[in-house]
Each structure stands twice: as C-alpha cells, then as structure tokens.
C-alpha cells in the first residue's frame, strides 16, 4: 500500500485497506482498527484473537484482515502487535465522546482521570483527551495499553497522546 504522506498512512488510505471497520460496525460497539500495512512475516494478532476475527493466513507476509462481525472489541490484540499498529475504537462510549485504546510505551505513565493532549498519526496535537484506563496487566506482556476519551468527531484521527514532560 503506497503512502500518500511521509511515514504514516492517511485516513483515506486506511479506509481503503483490508482491516478498517465499516461505519455501521463502529456504531455498534468497540472494534479493533488494524493499521498494519507491512508485508512482513508477522501474525501475533491472528494468534492472539480468541474469536478468530483477525486473519493473516498464508503466506505469513499477508496483511491482516479484520472480520468485523467476529470482533467483539475485547482488545487482546492491541498489546500483542509488535508494530504497535492495532487500536480499539469505541464510538459508542458516551454521548458525543469515543474511547480509543492504544499501546503506550513511554514513561512516565499518565494517571487515570488526567487530561492529556491527544495526537494524530504524525504526532500533531488534535484535541484534549481524558485518561480512562492505564492497563499494565501481565497479559499485555510489558506493553501498557492506554485508553482515553476524545470527542467522537476526532476519534478516527487520534492515535496516541503527547508524552508527558516533553
């Protein structure tokens, strides 16, 4: 998949890919968003999904494909992706707000309830977000999964937060 921009995919490129959920699916509940475009030998996401919602298949260099009907939004895949390319998006989080869960590998970790600066795929500030959860559980294999709430209209653009103290 060619990149329109330097170093990251545009939203249009992602929507044209094999793993972007439909708007109809976004409106039901949380769902995995896979932003992996690398044709490299990798399939931890496929192995991690207890519902068989992610398929890489053969050859192992295929890009992952999401079966949005099988995805229950459990988020197990988020911490398992070595490329940090899977996010969990819930546009039904609350009135006018969405939640987004993403891998976060920086210290210090923000605390639940704190306001943070939400950033896009390029690292540019988009809006303010609120930390809902900081999951450092053993099941994540030392990858923290951060969940923040952001305005719903920014949810497909936001992919992380600005590092604290930087």
N, C-alpha and C. Protein backbone atom coordinates (compact mmCIF):
# COMPACT_ATOMS: atom_id res chain seq x y z
N UNK A 1 0.85 -1.18 0.00
CA UNK A 1 0.00 0.00 0.00
C UNK A 1 0.90 1.24 0.00
N UNK A 2 0.81 2.09 -1.01
CA UNK A 2 1.66 3.28 -1.06
C UNK A 2 1.22 4.31 -0.02
N UNK A 3 2.17 5.08 0.44
CA UNK A 3 1.89 6.12 1.41
C UNK A 3 1.70 7.45 0.69
N UNK A 4 0.55 8.11 0.92
CA UNK A 4 0.33 9.44 0.36
C UNK A 4 1.19 10.47 1.06
N UNK A 5 1.46 10.23 2.34
CA UNK A 5 2.19 11.18 3.15
C UNK A 5 3.50 10.56 3.62
N UNK A 6 4.28 11.30 4.31
CA UNK A 6 5.59 10.82 4.74
C UNK A 6 5.51 10.06 6.06
N UNK A 7 5.74 8.75 6.00
CA UNK A 7 5.90 7.95 7.19
C UNK A 7 4.65 7.45 7.87
N UNK A 8 3.48 7.85 7.46
CA UNK A 8 2.25 7.34 8.07
C UNK A 8 1.13 7.38 7.04
N UNK A 9 0.12 6.58 7.28
CA UNK A 9 -0.99 6.47 6.35
C UNK A 9 -2.03 7.56 6.60
N UNK A 10 -2.65 8.00 5.53
CA UNK A 10 -3.77 8.92 5.67
C UNK A 10 -5.01 8.10 6.04
N UNK A 11 -6.01 8.76 6.55
CA UNK A 11 -7.26 8.08 6.90
C UNK A 11 -7.87 7.45 5.65
N UNK A 12 -7.79 8.11 4.52
CA UNK A 12 -8.32 7.56 3.27
C UNK A 12 -7.60 6.26 2.91
N UNK A 13 -6.28 6.23 3.02
CA UNK A 13 -5.52 5.02 2.72
C UNK A 13 -5.92 3.87 3.65
N UNK A 14 -6.12 4.18 4.93
CA UNK A 14 -6.53 3.16 5.88
C UNK A 14 -7.92 2.62 5.56
N UNK A 15 -8.83 3.51 5.23
CA UNK A 15 -10.20 3.08 4.91
C UNK A 15 -10.24 2.23 3.65
N UNK A 16 -9.30 2.42 2.76
CA UNK A 16 -9.22 1.61 1.54
C UNK A 16 -8.54 0.26 1.77
N UNK A 17 -7.98 0.05 2.96
CA UNK A 17 -7.25 -1.18 3.27
C UNK A 17 -8.15 -2.32 3.70
N UNK A 18 -7.57 -3.48 3.98
CA UNK A 18 -8.33 -4.69 4.29
C UNK A 18 -8.80 -4.84 5.73
N UNK A 19 -8.44 -3.90 6.60
CA UNK A 19 -8.72 -4.12 8.02
C UNK A 19 -9.43 -2.94 8.68
N UNK A 20 -10.06 -2.07 7.90
CA UNK A 20 -10.72 -0.92 8.51
C UNK A 20 -12.21 -1.20 8.65
N UNK A 21 -12.74 -1.10 9.86
CA UNK A 21 -14.16 -1.39 10.08
C UNK A 21 -15.08 -0.40 9.36
N UNK A 22 -16.27 -0.87 9.08
CA UNK A 22 -17.30 -0.03 8.44
C UNK A 22 -17.91 0.92 9.48
N UNK A 23 -18.51 1.97 9.01
CA UNK A 23 -19.18 2.92 9.91
C UNK A 23 -20.30 2.21 10.67
N UNK A 24 -20.98 1.31 9.99
CA UNK A 24 -22.04 0.54 10.62
C UNK A 24 -21.51 -0.24 11.83
N UNK A 25 -20.33 -0.86 11.67
CA UNK A 25 -19.74 -1.61 12.77
C UNK A 25 -19.28 -0.69 13.89
N UNK A 26 -18.71 0.47 13.54
CA UNK A 26 -18.30 1.43 14.56
C UNK A 26 -19.48 1.85 15.43
N UNK A 27 -20.66 1.91 14.85
CA UNK A 27 -21.84 2.37 15.58
C UNK A 27 -22.45 1.32 16.50
N UNK A 28 -21.91 0.11 16.50
CA UNK A 28 -22.44 -0.96 17.36
C UNK A 28 -21.74 -1.02 18.71
N UNK A 29 -20.42 -1.02 18.71
CA UNK A 29 -19.63 -1.18 19.95
C UNK A 29 -18.16 -1.05 19.59
N UNK A 30 -17.30 -1.25 20.58
CA UNK A 30 -15.85 -1.18 20.36
C UNK A 30 -15.44 -2.21 19.31
N UNK A 31 -14.44 -1.83 18.50
CA UNK A 31 -13.94 -2.71 17.45
C UNK A 31 -12.45 -2.41 17.24
N UNK A 32 -11.71 -3.45 16.84
CA UNK A 32 -10.29 -3.28 16.55
C UNK A 32 -10.11 -2.54 15.23
N UNK A 33 -9.14 -1.65 15.21
CA UNK A 33 -8.74 -0.95 13.99
C UNK A 33 -7.28 -1.34 13.76
N UNK A 34 -7.04 -2.01 12.65
CA UNK A 34 -5.70 -2.52 12.35
C UNK A 34 -5.07 -1.62 11.30
N UNK A 35 -3.99 -0.96 11.68
CA UNK A 35 -3.33 -0.03 10.77
C UNK A 35 -1.98 -0.59 10.32
N UNK A 36 -1.95 -1.86 10.05
CA UNK A 36 -0.74 -2.55 9.62
C UNK A 36 -0.75 -2.66 8.10
N UNK A 37 0.27 -2.14 7.48
CA UNK A 37 0.37 -2.20 6.02
C UNK A 37 1.66 -2.87 5.58
N UNK A 38 2.39 -3.41 6.52
CA UNK A 38 3.67 -4.02 6.21
C UNK A 38 3.48 -5.47 5.75
N UNK A 39 4.11 -5.83 4.67
CA UNK A 39 4.07 -7.21 4.20
C UNK A 39 5.32 -7.92 4.70
N UNK A 40 5.31 -8.19 6.01
CA UNK A 40 6.44 -8.82 6.68
C UNK A 40 5.92 -10.09 7.36
N UNK A 41 6.78 -11.04 7.68
CA UNK A 41 6.32 -12.25 8.35
C UNK A 41 5.93 -11.95 9.80
N UNK A 42 4.64 -11.84 10.04
CA UNK A 42 4.14 -11.45 11.35
C UNK A 42 2.68 -11.90 11.48
N UNK A 43 2.32 -12.51 12.60
CA UNK A 43 0.92 -12.86 12.82
C UNK A 43 0.50 -12.97 14.29
N UNK A 44 1.16 -12.28 15.22
CA UNK A 44 0.71 -12.37 16.61
C UNK A 44 -0.74 -11.92 16.81
N UNK A 45 -1.21 -10.99 15.99
CA UNK A 45 -2.59 -10.54 16.13
C UNK A 45 -3.56 -11.67 15.84
N UNK A 46 -3.27 -12.45 14.80
CA UNK A 46 -4.11 -13.59 14.43
C UNK A 46 -4.12 -14.61 15.56
N UNK A 47 -2.94 -14.90 16.10
CA UNK A 47 -2.82 -15.87 17.18
C UNK A 47 -3.49 -15.39 18.47
N UNK A 48 -3.46 -14.09 18.71
CA UNK A 48 -3.97 -13.53 19.97
C UNK A 48 -5.49 -13.46 20.02
N UNK A 49 -6.14 -13.31 18.89
CA UNK A 49 -7.60 -13.09 18.88
C UNK A 49 -8.35 -14.37 19.26
N UNK A 50 -9.02 -14.36 20.40
CA UNK A 50 -9.74 -15.56 20.84
C UNK A 50 -11.02 -15.83 20.03
N UNK A 51 -11.40 -14.90 19.17
CA UNK A 51 -12.64 -15.03 18.41
C UNK A 51 -12.41 -15.26 16.92
N UNK A 52 -11.13 -15.34 16.52
CA UNK A 52 -10.82 -15.58 15.11
C UNK A 52 -11.20 -14.42 14.21
N UNK A 53 -11.19 -13.21 14.75
CA UNK A 53 -11.61 -12.03 13.98
C UNK A 53 -10.50 -11.46 13.10
N UNK A 54 -9.25 -11.87 13.35
CA UNK A 54 -8.12 -11.36 12.57
C UNK A 54 -7.48 -12.53 11.83
N UNK A 55 -7.33 -12.36 10.53
CA UNK A 55 -6.71 -13.41 9.71
C UNK A 55 -5.51 -12.85 8.95
N UNK A 56 -4.41 -13.56 9.02
CA UNK A 56 -3.23 -13.28 8.21
C UNK A 56 -3.12 -14.39 7.17
N UNK A 57 -3.24 -15.62 7.62
CA UNK A 57 -3.22 -16.77 6.73
C UNK A 57 -1.87 -17.03 6.11
N UNK A 58 -1.90 -17.62 4.93
CA UNK A 58 -0.68 -17.97 4.19
C UNK A 58 -0.63 -17.17 2.90
N UNK A 59 0.50 -16.60 2.56
CA UNK A 59 1.73 -16.64 3.33
C UNK A 59 1.64 -15.73 4.55
N UNK A 60 2.53 -15.93 5.48
CA UNK A 60 2.54 -15.17 6.73
C UNK A 60 2.86 -13.69 6.49
N UNK A 61 3.23 -13.33 5.28
CA UNK A 61 3.51 -11.93 4.96
C UNK A 61 2.26 -11.17 4.51
N UNK A 62 1.10 -11.84 4.48
CA UNK A 62 -0.15 -11.15 4.15
C UNK A 62 -0.44 -10.06 5.17
N UNK A 63 -1.12 -9.03 4.74
CA UNK A 63 -1.58 -8.02 5.68
C UNK A 63 -2.77 -8.60 6.44
N UNK A 64 -2.92 -8.25 7.71
CA UNK A 64 -4.05 -8.77 8.47
C UNK A 64 -5.37 -8.23 7.93
N UNK A 65 -6.40 -9.08 8.01
CA UNK A 65 -7.74 -8.72 7.58
C UNK A 65 -8.64 -8.89 8.80
N UNK A 66 -9.49 -7.90 9.04
CA UNK A 66 -10.41 -7.95 10.18
C UNK A 66 -11.78 -8.42 9.73
N UNK A 67 -12.32 -9.43 10.41
CA UNK A 67 -13.71 -9.83 10.22
C UNK A 67 -14.50 -9.07 11.28
N UNK A 68 -15.04 -7.94 10.89
CA UNK A 68 -15.68 -7.05 11.87
C UNK A 68 -16.88 -7.67 12.56
N UNK A 69 -17.49 -8.68 11.97
CA UNK A 69 -18.62 -9.35 12.61
C UNK A 69 -18.16 -10.26 13.75
N UNK A 70 -16.95 -10.78 13.66
CA UNK A 70 -16.42 -11.64 14.72
C UNK A 70 -15.76 -10.85 15.83
N UNK A 71 -15.34 -9.61 15.55
CA UNK A 71 -14.64 -8.80 16.55
C UNK A 71 -15.62 -8.34 17.63
N UNK A 72 -15.31 -8.67 18.88
CA UNK A 72 -16.15 -8.25 19.99
C UNK A 72 -15.56 -7.07 20.75
N UNK A 73 -14.43 -6.53 20.27
CA UNK A 73 -13.83 -5.37 20.91
C UNK A 73 -13.15 -5.67 22.23
N UNK A 74 -12.66 -6.89 22.40
CA UNK A 74 -12.02 -7.25 23.67
C UNK A 74 -10.66 -6.57 23.85
N UNK A 75 -9.99 -6.24 22.74
CA UNK A 75 -8.72 -5.52 22.82
C UNK A 75 -7.50 -6.36 23.09
N UNK A 76 -7.62 -7.68 23.15
CA UNK A 76 -6.47 -8.54 23.40
C UNK A 76 -5.38 -8.31 22.36
N UNK A 77 -5.75 -8.03 21.14
CA UNK A 77 -4.79 -7.85 20.04
C UNK A 77 -3.94 -6.60 20.18
N UNK A 78 -4.42 -5.59 20.88
CA UNK A 78 -3.74 -4.29 20.94
C UNK A 78 -2.31 -4.43 21.46
N UNK A 79 -2.13 -5.09 22.58
CA UNK A 79 -0.79 -5.21 23.17
C UNK A 79 0.05 -6.28 22.49
N UNK A 80 -0.56 -7.15 21.71
CA UNK A 80 0.16 -8.25 21.09
C UNK A 80 0.85 -7.87 19.78
N UNK A 81 0.49 -6.75 19.19
CA UNK A 81 1.07 -6.33 17.91
C UNK A 81 2.45 -5.72 18.14
N UNK A 82 3.52 -6.37 17.64
CA UNK A 82 4.86 -5.82 17.84
C UNK A 82 5.08 -4.50 17.10
N UNK A 83 4.26 -4.23 16.11
CA UNK A 83 4.37 -2.98 15.35
C UNK A 83 3.54 -1.85 15.93
N UNK A 84 2.86 -2.09 17.05
CA UNK A 84 2.01 -1.08 17.71
C UNK A 84 0.99 -0.51 16.73
N UNK A 85 0.41 -1.37 15.90
CA UNK A 85 -0.45 -0.93 14.81
C UNK A 85 -1.92 -1.30 14.98
N UNK A 86 -2.32 -1.71 16.19
CA UNK A 86 -3.72 -2.05 16.42
C UNK A 86 -4.25 -1.18 17.54
N UNK A 87 -5.45 -0.67 17.31
CA UNK A 87 -6.12 0.22 18.24
C UNK A 87 -7.53 -0.31 18.47
N UNK A 88 -8.12 0.05 19.57
CA UNK A 88 -9.51 -0.31 19.84
C UNK A 88 -10.29 0.99 19.89
N UNK A 89 -11.29 1.11 19.05
CA UNK A 89 -12.07 2.34 18.96
C UNK A 89 -13.52 2.04 19.32
N UNK A 90 -14.06 2.81 20.25
CA UNK A 90 -15.46 2.68 20.67
C UNK A 90 -16.15 4.02 20.49
N UNK A 91 -16.84 4.16 19.37
CA UNK A 91 -17.57 5.41 19.10
C UNK A 91 -18.86 5.49 19.90
N UNK A 92 -19.22 4.42 20.61
CA UNK A 92 -20.44 4.42 21.41
C UNK A 92 -20.14 4.66 22.89
N UNK A 93 -18.95 5.10 23.22
CA UNK A 93 -18.51 5.25 24.61
C UNK A 93 -19.49 6.08 25.44
N UNK A 94 -19.80 7.28 24.98
CA UNK A 94 -20.78 8.12 25.67
C UNK A 94 -21.28 9.18 24.69
N UNK A 95 -22.23 9.96 25.11
CA UNK A 95 -22.80 10.99 24.24
C UNK A 95 -21.72 11.94 23.74
N UNK A 96 -21.48 11.91 22.45
CA UNK A 96 -20.52 12.82 21.83
C UNK A 96 -19.06 12.47 22.02
N UNK A 97 -18.79 11.40 22.76
CA UNK A 97 -17.41 11.01 23.04
C UNK A 97 -17.15 9.57 22.58
N UNK A 98 -15.90 9.33 22.24
CA UNK A 98 -15.45 7.99 21.88
C UNK A 98 -14.28 7.63 22.78
N UNK A 99 -14.03 6.35 22.91
CA UNK A 99 -12.81 5.93 23.62
C UNK A 99 -11.90 5.26 22.62
N UNK A 100 -10.62 5.43 22.83
CA UNK A 100 -9.62 4.80 21.99
C UNK A 100 -8.55 4.20 22.88
N UNK A 101 -8.23 2.94 22.63
CA UNK A 101 -7.19 2.23 23.38
C UNK A 101 -6.04 1.98 22.43
N UNK A 102 -4.83 2.21 22.92
CA UNK A 102 -3.65 2.08 22.08
C UNK A 102 -2.45 1.66 22.93
N UNK A 103 -1.45 1.05 22.29
CA UNK A 103 -0.23 0.70 23.03
C UNK A 103 0.54 1.96 23.37
N UNK A 104 1.09 2.01 24.57
CA UNK A 104 1.82 3.20 25.00
C UNK A 104 3.06 2.74 25.73
N UNK A 105 4.24 3.07 25.20
CA UNK A 105 5.48 2.55 25.75
C UNK A 105 6.42 3.63 26.26
N UNK A 106 5.88 4.66 26.85
CA UNK A 106 6.70 5.76 27.37
C UNK A 106 6.47 5.92 28.87
N UNK A 107 7.48 6.46 29.53
CA UNK A 107 7.37 6.82 30.94
C UNK A 107 7.60 8.31 31.06
N UNK A 108 7.01 8.97 32.00
CA UNK A 108 6.08 8.45 32.99
C UNK A 108 4.70 8.20 32.37
N UNK A 109 3.97 7.28 33.00
CA UNK A 109 2.61 7.00 32.56
C UNK A 109 1.66 8.03 33.16
N UNK A 110 0.73 8.52 32.38
CA UNK A 110 -0.29 9.41 32.97
C UNK A 110 -1.21 8.60 33.89
N UNK A 111 -1.91 9.29 34.74
CA UNK A 111 -2.81 8.62 35.66
C UNK A 111 -4.24 8.73 35.16
N UNK A 112 -5.05 7.76 35.56
CA UNK A 112 -6.47 7.79 35.21
C UNK A 112 -7.09 9.09 35.69
N UNK A 113 -7.92 9.68 34.85
CA UNK A 113 -8.58 10.93 35.19
C UNK A 113 -7.85 12.17 34.70
N UNK A 114 -6.57 12.04 34.35
CA UNK A 114 -5.79 13.19 33.90
C UNK A 114 -6.18 13.62 32.48
N UNK A 115 -6.08 14.91 32.24
CA UNK A 115 -6.27 15.44 30.90
C UNK A 115 -4.94 15.35 30.16
N UNK A 116 -5.01 14.92 28.90
CA UNK A 116 -3.81 14.76 28.09
C UNK A 116 -4.04 15.40 26.71
N UNK A 117 -2.96 15.61 25.99
CA UNK A 117 -3.06 16.10 24.62
C UNK A 117 -3.07 14.90 23.69
N UNK A 118 -4.18 14.73 22.98
CA UNK A 118 -4.32 13.64 22.03
C UNK A 118 -3.67 14.05 20.71
N UNK A 119 -2.92 13.12 20.10
CA UNK A 119 -2.20 13.42 18.87
C UNK A 119 -2.62 12.48 17.74
N UNK A 120 -2.34 12.91 16.51
CA UNK A 120 -2.67 12.10 15.33
C UNK A 120 -1.51 11.18 14.97
N UNK A 121 -1.61 10.54 13.83
CA UNK A 121 -0.59 9.58 13.39
C UNK A 121 0.78 10.22 13.18
N UNK A 122 0.81 11.53 12.94
CA UNK A 122 2.08 12.22 12.72
C UNK A 122 2.65 12.80 14.02
N UNK A 123 1.88 12.73 15.11
CA UNK A 123 2.32 13.29 16.38
C UNK A 123 1.81 14.70 16.61
N UNK A 124 1.00 15.22 15.70
CA UNK A 124 0.45 16.56 15.81
C UNK A 124 -0.74 16.58 16.77
N UNK A 125 -0.78 17.59 17.65
CA UNK A 125 -1.87 17.73 18.60
C UNK A 125 -3.20 17.89 17.87
N UNK A 126 -4.21 17.17 18.34
CA UNK A 126 -5.54 17.21 17.73
C UNK A 126 -6.57 17.82 18.68
N UNK A 127 -6.56 17.37 19.93
CA UNK A 127 -7.56 17.81 20.90
C UNK A 127 -7.12 17.37 22.29
N UNK A 128 -7.90 17.71 23.27
CA UNK A 128 -7.66 17.23 24.63
C UNK A 128 -8.39 15.90 24.80
N UNK A 129 -7.82 15.05 25.61
CA UNK A 129 -8.43 13.77 25.93
C UNK A 129 -8.34 13.55 27.43
N UNK A 130 -9.11 12.59 27.90
CA UNK A 130 -9.09 12.25 29.32
C UNK A 130 -8.71 10.78 29.45
N UNK A 131 -7.74 10.49 30.32
CA UNK A 131 -7.30 9.12 30.53
C UNK A 131 -8.39 8.37 31.30
N UNK A 132 -8.87 7.30 30.68
CA UNK A 132 -9.90 6.45 31.28
C UNK A 132 -9.27 5.28 32.02
N UNK A 133 -8.24 4.69 31.37
CA UNK A 133 -7.63 3.49 31.94
C UNK A 133 -6.17 3.40 31.51
N UNK A 134 -5.35 2.92 32.43
CA UNK A 134 -3.95 2.63 32.16
C UNK A 134 -3.75 1.15 32.53
N UNK A 135 -3.71 0.29 31.52
CA UNK A 135 -3.66 -1.15 31.73
C UNK A 135 -2.24 -1.66 31.58
N UNK A 136 -1.65 -2.02 32.70
CA UNK A 136 -0.28 -2.57 32.71
C UNK A 136 -0.30 -4.04 33.09
N UNK A 137 -1.43 -4.68 32.88
CA UNK A 137 -1.60 -6.07 33.28
C UNK A 137 -0.62 -7.03 32.65
N UNK A 138 -0.39 -8.13 33.33
CA UNK A 138 0.56 -9.14 32.89
C UNK A 138 0.21 -9.68 31.50
N UNK A 139 -1.06 -9.75 31.17
CA UNK A 139 -1.50 -10.27 29.88
C UNK A 139 -0.97 -9.43 28.72
N UNK A 140 -0.58 -8.19 29.01
CA UNK A 140 -0.07 -7.28 27.97
C UNK A 140 1.42 -7.46 27.69
N UNK A 141 2.08 -8.36 28.39
CA UNK A 141 3.49 -8.65 28.15
C UNK A 141 4.36 -7.39 28.14
N UNK A 142 4.21 -6.59 29.18
CA UNK A 142 5.01 -5.38 29.39
C UNK A 142 4.67 -4.22 28.45
N UNK A 143 3.57 -4.31 27.73
CA UNK A 143 3.12 -3.18 26.91
C UNK A 143 1.91 -2.57 27.60
N UNK A 144 2.01 -1.31 27.96
CA UNK A 144 0.88 -0.62 28.56
C UNK A 144 -0.15 -0.33 27.49
N UNK A 145 -1.41 -0.55 27.80
CA UNK A 145 -2.50 -0.16 26.90
C UNK A 145 -3.23 0.99 27.58
N UNK A 146 -3.18 2.13 26.91
CA UNK A 146 -3.78 3.36 27.40
C UNK A 146 -5.15 3.54 26.74
N UNK A 147 -6.15 3.91 27.52
CA UNK A 147 -7.46 4.22 26.97
C UNK A 147 -7.82 5.64 27.36
N UNK A 148 -8.18 6.43 26.34
CA UNK A 148 -8.57 7.82 26.57
C UNK A 148 -9.93 8.07 25.92
N UNK A 149 -10.59 9.10 26.40
CA UNK A 149 -11.82 9.54 25.73
C UNK A 149 -11.50 10.83 24.99
N UNK A 150 -12.09 10.94 23.81
CA UNK A 150 -11.92 12.12 22.95
C UNK A 150 -13.26 12.43 22.29
N UNK A 151 -13.43 13.65 21.78
CA UNK A 151 -14.66 13.92 21.03
C UNK A 151 -14.82 12.93 19.88
N UNK A 152 -16.03 12.43 19.70
CA UNK A 152 -16.29 11.40 18.68
C UNK A 152 -15.81 11.82 17.30
N UNK A 153 -15.95 13.10 16.96
CA UNK A 153 -15.55 13.54 15.61
C UNK A 153 -14.04 13.55 15.40
N UNK A 154 -13.28 13.34 16.46
CA UNK A 154 -11.81 13.27 16.36
C UNK A 154 -11.29 11.83 16.48
N UNK A 155 -12.18 10.88 16.75
CA UNK A 155 -11.77 9.53 17.13
C UNK A 155 -11.04 8.75 16.03
N UNK A 156 -11.30 9.01 14.78
CA UNK A 156 -10.61 8.28 13.73
C UNK A 156 -9.26 8.91 13.38
N UNK A 157 -8.99 10.06 13.98
CA UNK A 157 -7.74 10.78 13.73
C UNK A 157 -6.75 10.56 14.87
N UNK A 158 -7.24 10.56 16.10
CA UNK A 158 -6.38 10.42 17.28
C UNK A 158 -5.82 9.00 17.35
N UNK A 159 -4.49 8.90 17.63
CA UNK A 159 -3.86 7.59 17.75
C UNK A 159 -2.93 7.46 18.95
N UNK A 160 -2.71 8.52 19.69
CA UNK A 160 -1.85 8.42 20.87
C UNK A 160 -2.01 9.70 21.68
N UNK A 161 -1.09 9.88 22.61
CA UNK A 161 -1.06 11.12 23.40
C UNK A 161 0.35 11.68 23.37
N UNK A 162 0.44 12.96 23.62
CA UNK A 162 1.74 13.61 23.75
C UNK A 162 2.42 13.08 25.00
N UNK A 163 3.69 12.75 24.86
CA UNK A 163 4.43 12.26 26.03
C UNK A 163 4.46 13.31 27.12
N UNK A 164 4.31 12.86 28.35
CA UNK A 164 4.34 13.77 29.49
C UNK A 164 5.75 14.29 29.69
N UNK A 165 5.86 15.57 30.01
CA UNK A 165 7.14 16.17 30.31
C UNK A 165 8.00 16.46 29.09
N UNK A 166 7.45 16.34 27.90
CA UNK A 166 8.23 16.59 26.68
C UNK A 166 7.75 17.86 26.03
